[in-house]
C-alpha atoms as a PDB file:
ATOM      1  CA  MET A   1     -20.218 -13.099 -27.732  1.00  0.00           C
ATOM      2  CA  LEU A   2     -16.497 -12.653 -28.204  1.00  0.00           C
ATOM      3  CA  ASP A   3     -14.380 -14.175 -25.452  1.00  0.00           C
ATOM      4  CA  TYR A   4     -12.077 -11.304 -24.452  1.00  0.00           C
ATOM      5  CA  ARG A   5      -8.860 -12.345 -22.743  1.00  0.00           C
ATOM      6  CA  PRO A   6      -6.508  -9.351 -22.475  1.00  0.00           C
ATOM      7  CA  HIS A   7      -3.644 -11.454 -21.129  1.00  0.00           C
ATOM      8  CA  LEU A   8      -3.639 -13.367 -24.437  1.00  0.00           C
ATOM      9  CA  LEU A   9      -3.187 -10.260 -26.617  1.00  0.00           C
ATOM     10  CA  PRO A  10      -0.090 -10.274 -28.861  1.00  0.00           C
ATOM     11  CA  LYS A  11       2.855  -8.617 -27.141  1.00  0.00           C
ATOM     12  CA  LEU A  12       5.954  -6.970 -28.538  1.00  0.00           C
ATOM     13  CA  ARG A  13       9.203  -7.646 -26.697  1.00  0.00           C
ATOM     14  CA  SER A  14      12.212  -5.503 -27.611  1.00  0.00           C
ATOM     15  CA  GLU A  15      15.447  -5.221 -25.659  1.00  0.00           C
ATOM     16  CA  ALA A  16      16.488  -2.263 -27.835  1.00  0.00           C
ATOM     17  CA  LEU A  17      13.277  -0.387 -27.110  1.00  0.00           C
ATOM     18  CA  MET A  18      13.502  -0.969 -23.348  1.00  0.00           C
ATOM     19  CA  ALA A  19      17.236  -0.169 -23.209  1.00  0.00           C
ATOM     20  CA  GLN A  20      16.816   3.102 -25.123  1.00  0.00           C
ATOM     21  CA  MET A  21      14.458   4.447 -22.452  1.00  0.00           C
ATOM     22  CA  LYS A  22      17.380   4.582 -20.000  1.00  0.00           C
ATOM     23  CA  HIS A  23      18.654   7.576 -21.992  1.00  0.00           C
ATOM     24  CA  TYR A  24      15.461   9.620 -21.604  1.00  0.00           C
ATOM     25  CA  PRO A  25      14.145  11.825 -18.818  1.00  0.00           C
ATOM     26  CA  CYS A  26      11.235  10.509 -16.774  1.00  0.00           C
ATOM     27  CA  THR A  27       8.191  10.976 -18.993  1.00  0.00           C
ATOM     28  CA  LEU A  28       5.813   9.539 -16.384  1.00  0.00           C
ATOM     29  CA  ARG A  29       6.186  12.273 -13.737  1.00  0.00           C
ATOM     30  CA  ILE A  30       3.536  10.886 -11.358  1.00  0.00           C
ATOM     31  CA  SER A  31       5.584  11.150  -8.174  1.00  0.00           C
ATOM     32  CA  SER A  32       5.334  14.937  -8.433  1.00  0.00           C
ATOM     33  CA  ILE A  33       1.554  14.688  -7.904  1.00  0.00           C
ATOM     34  CA  ILE A  34       2.233  13.673  -4.289  1.00  0.00           C
ATOM     35  CA  PRO A  35       2.825  16.751  -2.114  1.00  0.00           C
ATOM     36  CA  GLY A  36       6.501  17.023  -1.146  1.00  0.00           C
ATOM     37  CA  HIS A  37       7.692  14.429  -3.676  1.00  0.00           C
ATOM     38  CA  ARG A  38       9.460  14.656  -7.018  1.00  0.00           C
ATOM     39  CA  CYS A  39      11.041  12.419  -9.619  1.00  0.00           C
ATOM     40  CA  ALA A  40      14.323  10.646  -8.889  1.00  0.00           C
ATOM     41  CA  SER A  41      17.480  11.465 -10.837  1.00  0.00           C
ATOM     42  CA  GLN A  42      17.670  10.681 -14.548  1.00  0.00           C
ATOM     43  CA  ASP A  43      20.220   7.911 -13.999  1.00  0.00           C
ATOM     44  CA  THR A  44      17.425   5.811 -12.421  1.00  0.00           C
ATOM     45  CA  VAL A  45      15.181   5.923 -15.522  1.00  0.00           C
ATOM     46  CA  VAL A  46      14.108   2.594 -17.057  1.00  0.00           C
ATOM     47  CA  GLY A  47      11.241   1.310 -19.171  1.00  0.00           C
ATOM     48  CA  VAL A  48       8.125   1.042 -16.990  1.00  0.00           C
ATOM     49  CA  HIS A  49       5.189  -1.110 -18.119  1.00  0.00           C
ATOM     50  CA  LEU A  50       1.919   0.705 -17.463  1.00  0.00           C
ATOM     51  CA  PRO A  51      -1.041  -1.055 -15.809  1.00  0.00           C
ATOM     52  CA  VAL A  52      -3.140  -1.497 -18.966  1.00  0.00           C
ATOM     53  CA  ASN A  53      -4.867  -4.403 -20.754  1.00  0.00           C
ATOM     54  CA  GLY A  54      -2.639  -7.333 -21.565  1.00  0.00           C
ATOM     55  CA  LYS A  55      -1.394  -8.116 -18.074  1.00  0.00           C
ATOM     56  CA  GLY A  56      -1.824 -11.642 -16.851  1.00  0.00           C
ATOM     57  CA  THR A  57      -0.380 -14.237 -14.558  1.00  0.00           C
ATOM     58  CA  SER A  58       3.379 -14.265 -15.166  1.00  0.00           C
ATOM     59  CA  THR A  59       3.154 -11.884 -18.116  1.00  0.00           C
ATOM     60  CA  LYS A  60       3.643  -8.160 -18.604  1.00  0.00           C
ATOM     61  CA  VAL A  61       1.882  -5.964 -21.133  1.00  0.00           C
ATOM     62  CA  THR A  62       3.440  -5.258 -24.513  1.00  0.00           C
ATOM     63  CA  ASP A  63       6.604  -3.164 -24.572  1.00  0.00           C
ATOM     64  CA  PHE A  64       4.586  -0.594 -26.549  1.00  0.00           C
ATOM     65  CA  ALA A  65       2.810   0.100 -23.234  1.00  0.00           C
ATOM     66  CA  ALA A  66       6.111   0.981 -21.553  1.00  0.00           C
ATOM     67  CA  VAL A  67       7.252   4.530 -20.817  1.00  0.00           C
ATOM     68  CA  ALA A  68      10.443   6.100 -19.489  1.00  0.00           C
ATOM     69  CA  GLY A  69      10.078   6.311 -15.713  1.00  0.00           C
ATOM     70  CA  CYS A  70      12.376   7.190 -12.821  1.00  0.00           C
ATOM     71  CA  LEU A  71      12.802   5.032  -9.722  1.00  0.00           C
ATOM     72  CA  HIS A  72      10.123   6.873  -7.718  1.00  0.00           C
ATOM     73  CA  CYS A  73       7.491   6.747 -10.479  1.00  0.00           C
ATOM     74  CA  HIS A  74       8.365   3.117 -11.280  1.00  0.00           C
ATOM     75  CA  ASN A  75       7.843   2.139  -7.650  1.00  0.00           C
ATOM     76  CA  LEU A  76       4.446   3.856  -7.621  1.00  0.00           C
ATOM     77  CA  VAL A  77       3.312   1.934 -10.715  1.00  0.00           C
ATOM     78  CA  ASP A  78       4.765  -1.490  -9.872  1.00  0.00           C
ATOM     79  CA  HIS A  79       4.153  -1.864  -6.149  1.00  0.00           C
ATOM     80  CA  VAL A  80       1.104  -1.795  -3.934  1.00  0.00           C
ATOM     81  CA  ASP A  81       1.405   1.646  -2.390  1.00  0.00           C
ATOM     82  CA  VAL A  82      -1.157   3.786  -0.574  1.00  0.00           C
ATOM     83  CA  ARG A  83       0.261   6.832  -2.354  1.00  0.00           C
ATOM     84  CA  ILE A  84      -0.743   5.587  -5.830  1.00  0.00           C
ATOM     85  CA  ASP A  85      -4.144   4.622  -4.424  1.00  0.00           C
ATOM     86  CA  TRP A  86      -4.435   8.183  -3.077  1.00  0.00           C
ATOM     87  CA  ILE A  87      -3.551   9.621  -6.507  1.00  0.00           C
ATOM     88  CA  ALA A  88      -6.017   7.304  -8.282  1.00  0.00           C
ATOM     89  CA  GLU A  89      -8.815   8.226  -5.863  1.00  0.00           C
ATOM     90  CA  THR A  90      -8.066  11.951  -5.542  1.00  0.00           C
ATOM     91  CA  TYR A  91      -6.910  12.784  -9.070  1.00  0.00           C
ATOM     92  CA  PRO A  92      -7.905   9.909 -11.390  1.00  0.00           C
ATOM     93  CA  ALA A  93      -8.052  12.072 -14.529  1.00  0.00           C
ATOM     94  CA  VAL A  94      -4.626  13.549 -13.785  1.00  0.00           C
ATOM     95  CA  LEU A  95      -3.103  10.088 -13.280  1.00  0.00           C
ATOM     96  CA  TYR A  96      -4.465   8.679 -16.523  1.00  0.00           C
ATOM     97  CA  LEU A  97      -3.591  11.851 -18.420  1.00  0.00           C
ATOM     98  CA  ARG A  98      -0.016  11.433 -17.161  1.00  0.00           C
ATOM     99  CA  TYR A  99      -0.050   7.820 -18.430  1.00  0.00           C
ATOM    100  CA  LEU A 100      -1.279   8.996 -21.840  1.00  0.00           C
ATOM    101  CA  ASN A 101       1.157  11.907 -22.080  1.00  0.00           C
ATOM    102  CA  ALA A 102       4.066   9.700 -21.007  1.00  0.00           C
ATOM    103  CA  THR A 103       3.134   7.163 -23.686  1.00  0.00           C
ATOM    104  CA  MET A 104       2.996   9.787 -26.432  1.00  0.00           C
ATOM    105  CA  GLU A 105       6.244  11.458 -25.314  1.00  0.00           C
ATOM    106  CA  THR A 106       8.096   8.136 -25.079  1.00  0.00           C
ATOM    107  CA  ILE A 107       6.857   6.968 -28.489  1.00  0.00           C
ATOM    108  CA  THR A 108       7.898  10.294 -30.026  1.00  0.00           C
ATOM    109  CA  LEU A 109      11.396  10.018 -28.519  1.00  0.00           C
ATOM    110  CA  LEU A 110      11.743   6.401 -29.693  1.00  0.00           C
ATOM    111  CA  THR A 111      10.657   7.432 -33.186  1.00  0.00           C
ATOM    112  CA  ARG A 112      13.053  10.395 -33.215  1.00  0.00           C
ATOM    113  CA  ASP A 113      15.911   8.064 -32.263  1.00  0.00           C
ATOM    114  CA  GLU A 114      14.821   5.549 -34.946  1.00  0.00           C
ATOM    115  CA  VAL A 115      14.127   2.749 -32.482  1.00  0.00           C
ATOM    116  CA  ILE A 116      10.577   2.793 -33.877  1.00  0.00           C
ATOM    117  CA  LEU A 117      10.566   3.307 -37.632  1.00  0.00           C
ATOM    118  CA  VAL A 118       7.669   4.950 -39.414  1.00  0.00           C
ATOM    119  CA  PRO A 119       7.948   4.618 -43.208  1.00  0.00           C
ATOM    120  CA  ASP A 120       7.696   8.025 -44.839  1.00  0.00           C
ATOM    121  CA  GLY A 121       7.500   9.643 -41.388  1.00  0.00           C
ATOM    122  CA  GLU A 122       9.073  13.022 -40.781  1.00  0.00           C
ATOM    123  CA  MET A 123       9.841  14.578 -37.398  1.00  0.00           C
ATOM    124  CA  ILE A 124       8.887  18.238 -37.303  1.00  0.00           C
END
């Protein structure tokens, strides 16, 4: 049987990729799931590493698993918070769909801005 150790997966680290996300709107948008809450202002947006395979002791996931997220959404992902537990228990499909949509939107923006290069790719 294959010994699977997600924290040992290869990881991309890119300062350019992470820095570029500061120029994007929040693609995560999970704080708006909580009644009475909304995303923080765009000037608080940074690259947010999603809680996916590849995490380990003293290591984050690959930068390809990072999305543009505002301060409020970043806090929900990075800190132990009863609100994110409530979202995960009440609306698990919505939460993970937001993670997926944020990933696709962020990758598309990074490709559009030529931070990620796709040979023979064309934005339409």
